[in-house]
Amino acid sequence: MLTSIANDAAFDDVFGRQVQALGRPGYVLIGLSTSARSANVLAALRAGRERGLVMIGFTGEARSEAMSGTCDLLLAVPSEDTAGIQECHEFVYHVVAGMVEARLHGRP
């Protein structure tokens, strides 16, 4: 999907086109962009908003306003350090994934 969309349309569309095709109201979309400027992530968030998805964004604090308008929940790590922002995102993402997995498999 990634290369076919990038080759046939544009790399900025690689995630948004998939959200348009597969996203359904009530689905959850998590968009990660340390800078909040990744055009392909922003396009996916816009597509998700149009399709009625629950929107969650992970970014750094510096330009979080670029994502805040499309996200229902935004984690904006208060840092300018790319590695530190990404480490925080990774931790939170794994916690959320563990909670979802536990819920799906009936574990407390």
PDB file of N, CA and C in Angstrom:
ATOM      1  N   MET A   1       0.825  -1.190   0.000  1.00  0.00           N
ATOM      2  CA  MET A   1       0.000   0.000   0.000  1.00  0.00           C
ATOM      3  C   MET A   1       0.870   1.255   0.000  1.00  0.00           C
ATOM      4  N   LEU A   2       1.857   1.253   0.871  1.00  0.00           N
ATOM      5  CA  LEU A   2       2.685   2.443   1.028  1.00  0.00           C
ATOM      6  C   LEU A   2       3.321   2.866  -0.290  1.00  0.00           C
ATOM      7  N   THR A   3       3.983   1.934  -0.951  1.00  0.00           N
ATOM      8  CA  THR A   3       4.672   2.315  -2.184  1.00  0.00           C
ATOM      9  C   THR A   3       3.712   2.549  -3.333  1.00  0.00           C
ATOM     10  N   SER A   4       2.619   1.810  -3.380  1.00  0.00           N
ATOM     11  CA  SER A   4       1.690   2.037  -4.493  1.00  0.00           C
ATOM     12  C   SER A   4       1.037   3.413  -4.397  1.00  0.00           C
ATOM     13  N   ILE A   5       0.651   3.833  -3.205  1.00  0.00           N
ATOM     14  CA  ILE A   5       0.057   5.164  -3.040  1.00  0.00           C
ATOM     15  C   ILE A   5       1.113   6.239  -3.301  1.00  0.00           C
ATOM     16  N   ALA A   6       2.316   6.027  -2.770  1.00  0.00           N
ATOM     17  CA  ALA A   6       3.384   7.009  -2.982  1.00  0.00           C
ATOM     18  C   ALA A   6       3.717   7.147  -4.466  1.00  0.00           C
ATOM     19  N   ASN A   7       3.726   6.037  -5.191  1.00  0.00           N
ATOM     20  CA  ASN A   7       4.048   6.080  -6.622  1.00  0.00           C
ATOM     21  C   ASN A   7       2.894   6.639  -7.457  1.00  0.00           C
ATOM     22  N   ASP A   8       1.669   6.260  -7.139  1.00  0.00           N
ATOM     23  CA  ASP A   8       0.521   6.645  -7.956  1.00  0.00           C
ATOM     24  C   ASP A   8      -0.073   7.999  -7.577  1.00  0.00           C
ATOM     25  N   ALA A   9       0.102   8.419  -6.354  1.00  0.00           N
ATOM     26  CA  ALA A   9      -0.442   9.712  -5.904  1.00  0.00           C
ATOM     27  C   ALA A   9       0.741  10.567  -5.421  1.00  0.00           C
ATOM     28  N   ALA A  10       0.935  10.584  -4.107  1.00  0.00           N
ATOM     29  CA  ALA A  10       2.058  11.321  -3.523  1.00  0.00           C
ATOM     30  C   ALA A  10       2.342  10.744  -2.151  1.00  0.00           C
ATOM     31  N   PHE A  11       3.584  10.891  -1.693  1.00  0.00           N
ATOM     32  CA  PHE A  11       3.926  10.350  -0.378  1.00  0.00           C
ATOM     33  C   PHE A  11       3.104  11.014   0.718  1.00  0.00           C
ATOM     34  N   ASP A  12       2.716  12.260   0.532  1.00  0.00           N
ATOM     35  CA  ASP A  12       1.886  12.944   1.523  1.00  0.00           C
ATOM     36  C   ASP A  12       0.530  12.278   1.699  1.00  0.00           C
ATOM     37  N   ASP A  13       0.116  11.432   0.750  1.00  0.00           N
ATOM     38  CA  ASP A  13      -1.187  10.768   0.799  1.00  0.00           C
ATOM     39  C   ASP A  13      -1.145   9.337   1.334  1.00  0.00           C
ATOM     40  N   VAL A  14       0.050   8.826   1.680  1.00  0.00           N
ATOM     41  CA  VAL A  14       0.168   7.393   1.975  1.00  0.00           C
ATOM     42  C   VAL A  14      -0.685   6.928   3.154  1.00  0.00           C
ATOM     43  N   PHE A  15      -0.881   7.755   4.144  1.00  0.00           N
ATOM     44  CA  PHE A  15      -1.700   7.354   5.288  1.00  0.00           C
ATOM     45  C   PHE A  15      -3.153   7.805   5.122  1.00  0.00           C
ATOM     46  N   GLY A  16      -3.347   8.996   4.622  1.00  0.00           N
ATOM     47  CA  GLY A  16      -4.703   9.525   4.447  1.00  0.00           C
ATOM     48  C   GLY A  16      -5.553   8.669   3.530  1.00  0.00           C
ATOM     49  N   ARG A  17      -4.976   8.180   2.446  1.00  0.00           N
ATOM     50  CA  ARG A  17      -5.734   7.334   1.518  1.00  0.00           C
ATOM     51  C   ARG A  17      -6.162   6.034   2.187  1.00  0.00           C
ATOM     52  N   GLN A  18      -5.304   5.479   3.036  1.00  0.00           N
ATOM     53  CA  GLN A  18      -5.656   4.254   3.743  1.00  0.00           C
ATOM     54  C   GLN A  18      -6.772   4.514   4.759  1.00  0.00           C
ATOM     55  N   VAL A  19      -6.713   5.656   5.424  1.00  0.00           N
ATOM     56  CA  VAL A  19      -7.772   6.015   6.369  1.00  0.00           C
ATOM     57  C   VAL A  19      -9.094   6.195   5.621  1.00  0.00           C
ATOM     58  N   GLN A  20      -9.051   6.832   4.455  1.00  0.00           N
ATOM     59  CA  GLN A  20     -10.270   7.007   3.656  1.00  0.00           C
ATOM     60  C   GLN A  20     -10.867   5.658   3.270  1.00  0.00           C
ATOM     61  N   ALA A  21     -10.025   4.699   2.933  1.00  0.00           N
ATOM     62  CA  ALA A  21     -10.501   3.395   2.487  1.00  0.00           C
ATOM     63  C   ALA A  21     -10.969   2.513   3.635  1.00  0.00           C
ATOM     64  N   LEU A  22     -10.299   2.573   4.767  1.00  0.00           N
ATOM     65  CA  LEU A  22     -10.548   1.608   5.843  1.00  0.00           C
ATOM     66  C   LEU A  22     -11.203   2.192   7.088  1.00  0.00           C
ATOM     67  N   GLY A  23     -11.124   3.506   7.267  1.00  0.00           N
ATOM     68  CA  GLY A  23     -11.638   4.127   8.487  1.00  0.00           C
ATOM     69  C   GLY A  23     -13.150   4.114   8.565  1.00  0.00           C
ATOM     70  N   ARG A  24     -13.658   3.813   9.741  1.00  0.00           N
ATOM     71  CA  ARG A  24     -15.095   3.795   9.997  1.00  0.00           C
ATOM     72  C   ARG A  24     -15.391   4.604  11.255  1.00  0.00           C
ATOM     73  N   PRO A  25     -16.560   5.232  11.328  1.00  0.00           N
ATOM     74  CA  PRO A  25     -16.899   5.995  12.528  1.00  0.00           C
ATOM     75  C   PRO A  25     -16.713   5.146  13.788  1.00  0.00           C
ATOM     76  N   GLY A  26     -16.067   5.755  14.779  1.00  0.00           N
ATOM     77  CA  GLY A  26     -15.812   5.061  16.032  1.00  0.00           C
ATOM     78  C   GLY A  26     -14.454   4.382  16.092  1.00  0.00           C
ATOM     79  N   TYR A  27     -13.812   4.129  14.947  1.00  0.00           N
ATOM     80  CA  TYR A  27     -12.453   3.598  14.963  1.00  0.00           C
ATOM     81  C   TYR A  27     -11.536   4.632  15.604  1.00  0.00           C
ATOM     82  N   VAL A  28     -10.398   4.191  16.091  1.00  0.00           N
ATOM     83  CA  VAL A  28      -9.433   5.085  16.710  1.00  0.00           C
ATOM     84  C   VAL A  28      -8.215   5.206  15.798  1.00  0.00           C
ATOM     85  N   LEU A  29      -7.801   6.432  15.541  1.00  0.00           N
ATOM     86  CA  LEU A  29      -6.603   6.700  14.757  1.00  0.00           C
ATOM     87  C   LEU A  29      -5.599   7.408  15.650  1.00  0.00           C
ATOM     88  N   ILE A  30      -4.402   6.855  15.714  1.00  0.00           N
ATOM     89  CA  ILE A  30      -3.320   7.484  16.467  1.00  0.00           C
ATOM     90  C   ILE A  30      -2.322   8.031  15.459  1.00  0.00           C
ATOM     91  N   GLY A  31      -2.123   9.344  15.490  1.00  0.00           N
ATOM     92  CA  GLY A  31      -1.157   9.993  14.606  1.00  0.00           C
ATOM     93  C   GLY A  31       0.059  10.422  15.395  1.00  0.00           C
ATOM     94  N   LEU A  32       1.236   9.995  14.949  1.00  0.00           N
ATOM     95  CA  LEU A  32       2.481  10.338  15.622  1.00  0.00           C
ATOM     96  C   LEU A  32       3.334  11.222  14.729  1.00  0.00           C
ATOM     97  N   SER A  33       3.663  12.407  15.209  1.00  0.00           N
ATOM     98  CA  SER A  33       4.575  13.310  14.504  1.00  0.00           C
ATOM     99  C   SER A  33       5.298  14.147  15.543  1.00  0.00           C
ATOM    100  N   THR A  34       6.563  13.868  15.727  1.00  0.00           N
ATOM    101  CA  THR A  34       7.352  14.584  16.730  1.00  0.00           C
ATOM    102  C   THR A  34       7.274  16.091  16.523  1.00  0.00           C
ATOM    103  N   SER A  35       7.313  16.504  15.264  1.00  0.00           N
ATOM    104  CA  SER A  35       7.308  17.928  14.941  1.00  0.00           C
ATOM    105  C   SER A  35       5.914  18.506  14.748  1.00  0.00           C
ATOM    106  N   ALA A  36       4.910  17.658  14.613  1.00  0.00           N
ATOM    107  CA  ALA A  36       3.535  18.054  14.271  1.00  0.00           C
ATOM    108  C   ALA A  36       3.462  18.673  12.881  1.00  0.00           C
ATOM    109  N   ARG A  37       4.492  18.434  12.061  1.00  0.00           N
ATOM    110  CA  ARG A  37       4.523  19.003  10.717  1.00  0.00           C
ATOM    111  C   ARG A  37       4.564  17.945   9.619  1.00  0.00           C
ATOM    112  N   SER A  38       4.474  16.676   9.964  1.00  0.00           N
ATOM    113  CA  SER A  38       4.552  15.620   8.947  1.00  0.00           C
ATOM    114  C   SER A  38       3.291  15.664   8.093  1.00  0.00           C
ATOM    115  N   ALA A  39       3.463  16.066   6.841  1.00  0.00           N
ATOM    116  CA  ALA A  39       2.312  16.258   5.957  1.00  0.00           C
ATOM    117  C   ALA A  39       1.484  14.991   5.802  1.00  0.00           C
ATOM    118  N   ASN A  40       2.128  13.830   5.757  1.00  0.00           N
ATOM    119  CA  ASN A  40       1.376  12.587   5.590  1.00  0.00           C
ATOM    120  C   ASN A  40       0.567  12.243   6.841  1.00  0.00           C
ATOM    121  N   VAL A  41       1.086  12.547   8.008  1.00  0.00           N
ATOM    122  CA  VAL A  41       0.344  12.303   9.251  1.00  0.00           C
ATOM    123  C   VAL A  41      -0.810  13.297   9.371  1.00  0.00           C
ATOM    124  N   LEU A  42      -0.562  14.555   9.057  1.00  0.00           N
ATOM    125  CA  LEU A  42      -1.630  15.560   9.112  1.00  0.00           C
ATOM    126  C   LEU A  42      -2.749  15.225   8.131  1.00  0.00           C
ATOM    127  N   ALA A  43      -2.403  14.718   6.950  1.00  0.00           N
ATOM    128  CA  ALA A  43      -3.423  14.317   5.974  1.00  0.00           C
ATOM    129  C   ALA A  43      -4.251  13.154   6.509  1.00  0.00           C
ATOM    130  N   ALA A  44      -3.605  12.220   7.185  1.00  0.00           N
ATOM    131  CA  ALA A  44      -4.334  11.089   7.774  1.00  0.00           C
ATOM    132  C   ALA A  44      -5.285  11.571   8.868  1.00  0.00           C
ATOM    133  N   LEU A  45      -4.830  12.514   9.680  1.00  0.00           N
ATOM    134  CA  LEU A  45      -5.692  13.054  10.734  1.00  0.00           C
ATOM    135  C   LEU A  45      -6.896  13.781  10.143  1.00  0.00           C
ATOM    136  N   ARG A  46      -6.682  14.538   9.091  1.00  0.00           N
ATOM    137  CA  ARG A  46      -7.807  15.217   8.437  1.00  0.00           C
ATOM    138  C   ARG A  46      -8.787  14.189   7.868  1.00  0.00           C
ATOM    139  N   ALA A  47      -8.263  13.152   7.235  1.00  0.00           N
ATOM    140  CA  ALA A  47      -9.126  12.104   6.673  1.00  0.00           C
ATOM    141  C   ALA A  47      -9.895  11.391   7.779  1.00  0.00           C
ATOM    142  N   GLY A  48      -9.237  11.142   8.889  1.00  0.00           N
ATOM    143  CA  GLY A  48      -9.908  10.495  10.020  1.00  0.00           C
ATOM    144  C   GLY A  48     -11.023  11.348  10.593  1.00  0.00           C
ATOM    145  N   ARG A  49     -10.765  12.647  10.696  1.00  0.00           N
ATOM    146  CA  ARG A  49     -11.791  13.566  11.206  1.00  0.00           C
ATOM    147  C   ARG A  49     -13.001  13.549  10.273  1.00  0.00           C
ATOM    148  N   GLU A  50     -12.762  13.580   8.966  1.00  0.00           N
ATOM    149  CA  GLU A  50     -13.859  13.557   7.983  1.00  0.00           C
ATOM    150  C   GLU A  50     -14.658  12.264   8.058  1.00  0.00           C
ATOM    151  N   ARG A  51     -14.016  11.152   8.433  1.00  0.00           N
ATOM    152  CA  ARG A  51     -14.675   9.844   8.473  1.00  0.00           C
ATOM    153  C   ARG A  51     -15.291   9.543   9.834  1.00  0.00           C
ATOM    154  N   GLY A  52     -15.129  10.422  10.807  1.00  0.00           N
ATOM    155  CA  GLY A  52     -15.743  10.211  12.116  1.00  0.00           C
ATOM    156  C   GLY A  52     -14.953   9.321  13.055  1.00  0.00           C
ATOM    157  N   LEU A  53     -13.646   9.239  12.857  1.00  0.00           N
ATOM    158  CA  LEU A  53     -12.815   8.443  13.740  1.00  0.00           C
ATOM    159  C   LEU A  53     -12.531   9.198  15.031  1.00  0.00           C
ATOM    160  N   VAL A  54     -12.179   8.469  16.077  1.00  0.00           N
ATOM    161  CA  VAL A  54     -11.682   9.068  17.306  1.00  0.00           C
ATOM    162  C   VAL A  54     -10.206   9.348  17.062  1.00  0.00           C
ATOM    163  N   MET A  55      -9.811  10.592  17.242  1.00  0.00           N
ATOM    164  CA  MET A  55      -8.473  11.029  16.858  1.00  0.00           C
ATOM    165  C   MET A  55      -7.579  11.262  18.070  1.00  0.00           C
ATOM    166  N   ILE A  56      -6.432  10.588  18.080  1.00  0.00           N
ATOM    167  CA  ILE A  56      -5.433  10.761  19.130  1.00  0.00           C
ATOM    168  C   ILE A  56      -4.124  11.166  18.469  1.00  0.00           C
ATOM    169  N   GLY A  57      -3.497  12.212  18.975  1.00  0.00           N
ATOM    170  CA  GLY A  57      -2.238  12.680  18.410  1.00  0.00           C
ATOM    171  C   GLY A  57      -1.123  12.648  19.434  1.00  0.00           C
ATOM    172  N   PHE A  58       0.059  12.269  18.973  1.00  0.00           N
ATOM    173  CA  PHE A  58       1.276  12.298  19.787  1.00  0.00           C
ATOM    174  C   PHE A  58       2.241  13.248  19.086  1.00  0.00           C
ATOM    175  N   THR A  59       2.735  14.237  19.808  1.00  0.00           N
ATOM    176  CA  THR A  59       3.676  15.187  19.218  1.00  0.00           C
ATOM    177  C   THR A  59       4.531  15.806  20.307  1.00  0.00           C
ATOM    178  N   GLY A  60       5.392  16.728  19.893  1.00  0.00           N
ATOM    179  CA  GLY A  60       6.129  17.553  20.832  1.00  0.00           C
ATOM    180  C   GLY A  60       5.342  18.830  21.048  1.00  0.00           C
ATOM    181  N   GLU A  61       5.699  19.572  22.048  1.00  0.00           N
ATOM    182  CA  GLU A  61       4.917  20.749  22.400  1.00  0.00           C
ATOM    183  C   GLU A  61       5.119  21.927  21.456  1.00  0.00           C
ATOM    184  N   ALA A  62       6.265  22.007  20.803  1.00  0.00           N
ATOM    185  CA  ALA A  62       6.642  23.205  20.056  1.00  0.00           C
ATOM    186  C   ALA A  62       5.590  23.666  19.054  1.00  0.00           C
ATOM    187  N   ARG A  63       5.043  22.766  18.279  1.00  0.00           N
ATOM    188  CA  ARG A  63       4.061  23.150  17.255  1.00  0.00           C
ATOM    189  C   ARG A  63       2.790  22.317  17.374  1.00  0.00           C
ATOM    190  N   SER A  64       2.411  22.007  18.557  1.00  0.00           N
ATOM    191  CA  SER A  64       1.279  21.108  18.764  1.00  0.00           C
ATOM    192  C   SER A  64      -0.028  21.650  18.201  1.00  0.00           C
ATOM    193  N   GLU A  65      -0.120  22.965  17.994  1.00  0.00           N
ATOM    194  CA  GLU A  65      -1.363  23.534  17.461  1.00  0.00           C
ATOM    195  C   GLU A  65      -1.678  23.000  16.072  1.00  0.00           C
ATOM    196  N   ALA A  66      -0.681  22.552  15.332  1.00  0.00           N
ATOM    197  CA  ALA A  66      -0.919  21.993  13.993  1.00  0.00           C
ATOM    198  C   ALA A  66      -1.751  20.719  14.065  1.00  0.00           C
ATOM    199  N   MET A  67      -1.665  19.986  15.172  1.00  0.00           N
ATOM    200  CA  MET A  67      -2.426  18.750  15.337  1.00  0.00           C
ATOM    201  C   MET A  67      -3.630  18.912  16.256  1.00  0.00           C
ATOM    202  N   SER A  68      -3.599  19.914  17.115  1.00  0.00           N
ATOM    203  CA  SER A  68      -4.638  20.025  18.136  1.00  0.00           C
ATOM    204  C   SER A  68      -6.039  20.223  17.555  1.00  0.00           C
ATOM    205  N   GLY A  69      -6.144  20.863  16.412  1.00  0.00           N
ATOM    206  CA  GLY A  69      -7.454  21.103  15.822  1.00  0.00           C
ATOM    207  C   GLY A  69      -8.139  19.865  15.282  1.00  0.00           C
ATOM    208  N   THR A  70      -7.376  18.809  15.028  1.00  0.00           N
ATOM    209  CA  THR A  70      -7.976  17.602  14.471  1.00  0.00           C
ATOM    210  C   THR A  70      -8.036  16.456  15.465  1.00  0.00           C
ATOM    211  N   CYS A  71      -7.441  16.626  16.631  1.00  0.00           N
ATOM    212  CA  CYS A  71      -7.367  15.519  17.594  1.00  0.00           C
ATOM    213  C   CYS A  71      -8.357  15.697  18.749  1.00  0.00           C
ATOM    214  N   ASP A  72      -8.967  14.583  19.143  1.00  0.00           N
ATOM    215  CA  ASP A  72      -9.820  14.577  20.325  1.00  0.00           C
ATOM    216  C   ASP A  72      -8.968  14.560  21.593  1.00  0.00           C
ATOM    217  N   LEU A  73      -7.821  13.932  21.494  1.00  0.00           N
ATOM    218  CA  LEU A  73      -6.877  13.848  22.607  1.00  0.00           C
ATOM    219  C   LEU A  73      -5.483  14.043  22.027  1.00  0.00           C
ATOM    220  N   LEU A  74      -4.710  14.933  22.621  1.00  0.00           N
ATOM    221  CA  LEU A  74      -3.377  15.219  22.110  1.00  0.00           C
ATOM    222  C   LEU A  74      -2.364  15.112  23.233  1.00  0.00           C
ATOM    223  N   LEU A  75      -1.357  14.254  23.044  1.00  0.00           N
ATOM    224  CA  LEU A  75      -0.237  14.175  23.959  1.00  0.00           C
ATOM    225  C   LEU A  75       0.885  15.007  23.351  1.00  0.00           C
ATOM    226  N   ALA A  76       1.110  16.186  23.905  1.00  0.00           N
ATOM    227  CA  ALA A  76       2.172  17.078  23.436  1.00  0.00           C
ATOM    228  C   ALA A  76       3.253  17.091  24.504  1.00  0.00           C
ATOM    229  N   VAL A  77       4.314  16.357  24.283  1.00  0.00           N
ATOM    230  CA  VAL A  77       5.392  16.234  25.254  1.00  0.00           C
ATOM    231  C   VAL A  77       6.118  17.573  25.361  1.00  0.00           C
ATOM    232  N   PRO A  78       6.243  18.120  26.564  1.00  0.00           N
ATOM    233  CA  PRO A  78       6.851  19.442  26.737  1.00  0.00           C
ATOM    234  C   PRO A  78       8.377  19.382  26.630  1.00  0.00           C
ATOM    235  N   SER A  79       8.840  19.206  25.409  1.00  0.00           N
ATOM    236  CA  SER A  79      10.276  19.109  25.175  1.00  0.00           C
ATOM    237  C   SER A  79      10.588  19.517  23.738  1.00  0.00           C
ATOM    238  N   GLU A  80      11.823  19.909  23.501  1.00  0.00           N
ATOM    239  CA  GLU A  80      12.326  20.187  22.156  1.00  0.00           C
ATOM    240  C   GLU A  80      13.256  19.065  21.698  1.00  0.00           C
ATOM    241  N   ASP A  81      13.537  18.119  22.597  1.00  0.00           N
ATOM    242  CA  ASP A  81      14.467  17.029  22.317  1.00  0.00           C
ATOM    243  C   ASP A  81      13.741  15.889  21.596  1.00  0.00           C
ATOM    244  N   THR A  82      14.074  15.687  20.322  1.00  0.00           N
ATOM    245  CA  THR A  82      13.376  14.687  19.507  1.00  0.00           C
ATOM    246  C   THR A  82      13.410  13.305  20.142  1.00  0.00           C
ATOM    247  N   ALA A  83      14.579  12.866  20.562  1.00  0.00           N
ATOM    248  CA  ALA A  83      14.692  11.530  21.151  1.00  0.00           C
ATOM    249  C   ALA A  83      13.846  11.414  22.427  1.00  0.00           C
ATOM    250  N   GLY A  84      13.875  12.434  23.260  1.00  0.00           N
ATOM    251  CA  GLY A  84      13.082  12.412  24.491  1.00  0.00           C
ATOM    252  C   GLY A  84      11.592  12.375  24.211  1.00  0.00           C
ATOM    253  N   ILE A  85      11.141  13.137  23.216  1.00  0.00           N
ATOM    254  CA  ILE A  85       9.736  13.142  22.823  1.00  0.00           C
ATOM    255  C   ILE A  85       9.328  11.750  22.353  1.00  0.00           C
ATOM    256  N   GLN A  86      10.152  11.163  21.502  1.00  0.00           N
ATOM    257  CA  GLN A  86       9.832   9.841  20.964  1.00  0.00           C
ATOM    258  C   GLN A  86       9.866   8.762  22.028  1.00  0.00           C
ATOM    259  N   GLU A  87      10.763   8.858  22.990  1.00  0.00           N
ATOM    260  CA  GLU A  87      10.796   7.895  24.092  1.00  0.00           C
ATOM    261  C   GLU A  87       9.534   7.987  24.934  1.00  0.00           C
ATOM    262  N   CYS A  88       9.073   9.186  25.182  1.00  0.00           N
ATOM    263  CA  CYS A  88       7.822   9.366  25.932  1.00  0.00           C
ATOM    264  C   CYS A  88       6.650   8.786  25.150  1.00  0.00           C
ATOM    265  N   HIS A  89       6.589   9.068  23.855  1.00  0.00           N
ATOM    266  CA  HIS A  89       5.527   8.528  23.018  1.00  0.00           C
ATOM    267  C   HIS A  89       5.544   7.007  23.042  1.00  0.00           C
ATOM    268  N   GLU A  90       6.728   6.423  22.926  1.00  0.00           N
ATOM    269  CA  GLU A  90       6.847   4.965  22.906  1.00  0.00           C
ATOM    270  C   GLU A  90       6.320   4.366  24.212  1.00  0.00           C
ATOM    271  N   PHE A  91       6.682   4.956  25.332  1.00  0.00           N
ATOM    272  CA  PHE A  91       6.214   4.463  26.618  1.00  0.00           C
ATOM    273  C   PHE A  91       4.687   4.508  26.704  1.00  0.00           C
ATOM    274  N   VAL A  92       4.112   5.663  26.388  1.00  0.00           N
ATOM    275  CA  VAL A  92       2.656   5.824  26.479  1.00  0.00           C
ATOM    276  C   VAL A  92       1.957   4.882  25.505  1.00  0.00           C
ATOM    277  N   TYR A  93       2.482   4.775  24.289  1.00  0.00           N
ATOM    278  CA  TYR A  93       1.880   3.895  23.289  1.00  0.00           C
ATOM    279  C   TYR A  93       1.863   2.450  23.776  1.00  0.00           C
ATOM    280  N   HIS A  94       2.946   1.988  24.400  1.00  0.00           N
ATOM    281  CA  HIS A  94       2.997   0.618  24.903  1.00  0.00           C
ATOM    282  C   HIS A  94       2.033   0.411  26.077  1.00  0.00           C
ATOM    283  N   VAL A  95       1.893   1.398  26.923  1.00  0.00           N
ATOM    284  CA  VAL A  95       0.924   1.305  28.017  1.00  0.00           C
ATOM    285  C   VAL A  95      -0.493   1.177  27.455  1.00  0.00           C
ATOM    286  N   VAL A  96      -0.824   2.031  26.489  1.00  0.00           N
ATOM    287  CA  VAL A  96      -2.156   1.986  25.873  1.00  0.00           C
ATOM    288  C   VAL A  96      -2.365   0.642  25.174  1.00  0.00           C
ATOM    289  N   ALA A  97      -1.373   0.183  24.428  1.00  0.00           N
ATOM    290  CA  ALA A  97      -1.491  -1.103  23.730  1.00  0.00           C
ATOM    291  C   ALA A  97      -1.706  -2.242  24.720  1.00  0.00           C
ATOM    292  N   GLY A  98      -1.011  -2.210  25.837  1.00  0.00           N
ATOM    293  CA  GLY A  98      -1.198  -3.232  26.867  1.00  0.00           C
ATOM    294  C   GLY A  98      -2.592  -3.201  27.461  1.00  0.00           C
ATOM    295  N   MET A  99      -3.125  -2.002  27.664  1.00  0.00           N
ATOM    296  CA  MET A  99      -4.484  -1.878  28.202  1.00  0.00           C
ATOM    297  C   MET A  99      -5.515  -2.404  27.215  1.00  0.00           C
ATOM    298  N   VAL A 100      -5.340  -2.095  25.943  1.00  0.00           N
ATOM    299  CA  VAL A 100      -6.258  -2.578  24.909  1.00  0.00           C
ATOM    300  C   VAL A 100      -6.188  -4.090  24.823  1.00  0.00           C
ATOM    301  N   GLU A 101      -4.981  -4.632  24.812  1.00  0.00           N
ATOM    302  CA  GLU A 101      -4.820  -6.082  24.739  1.00  0.00           C
ATOM    303  C   GLU A 101      -5.466  -6.774  25.934  1.00  0.00           C
ATOM    304  N   ALA A 102      -5.264  -6.230  27.115  1.00  0.00           N
ATOM    305  CA  ALA A 102      -5.869  -6.817  28.313  1.00  0.00           C
ATOM    306  C   ALA A 102      -7.389  -6.771  28.225  1.00  0.00           C
ATOM    307  N   ARG A 103      -7.904  -5.673  27.743  1.00  0.00           N
ATOM    308  CA  ARG A 103      -9.361  -5.539  27.612  1.00  0.00           C
ATOM    309  C   ARG A 103      -9.921  -6.533  26.587  1.00  0.00           C
ATOM    310  N   LEU A 104      -9.231  -6.684  25.475  1.00  0.00           N
ATOM    311  CA  LEU A 104      -9.694  -7.605  24.436  1.00  0.00           C
ATOM    312  C   LEU A 104      -9.656  -9.063  24.872  1.00  0.00           C
ATOM    313  N   HIS A 105      -8.703  -9.380  25.742  1.00  0.00           N
ATOM    314  CA  HIS A 105      -8.540 -10.761  26.177  1.00  0.00           C
ATOM    315  C   HIS A 105      -9.109 -11.006  27.568  1.00  0.00           C
ATOM    316  N   GLY A 106      -9.858 -10.033  28.080  1.00  0.00           N
ATOM    317  CA  GLY A 106     -10.560 -10.211  29.350  1.00  0.00           C
ATOM    318  C   GLY A 106      -9.688 -10.265  30.579  1.00  0.00           C
ATOM    319  N   ARG A 107      -8.510  -9.660  30.516  1.00  0.00           N
ATOM    320  CA  ARG A 107      -7.641  -9.627  31.686  1.00  0.00           C
ATOM    321  C   ARG A 107      -7.790  -8.276  32.377  1.00  0.00           C
ATOM    322  N   PRO A 108      -7.673  -8.264  33.691  1.00  0.00           N
ATOM    323  CA  PRO A 108      -7.769  -6.979  34.420  1.00  0.00           C
ATOM    324  C   PRO A 108      -6.588  -6.076  34.140  1.00  0.00           C
TER     325      PRO A 108
END
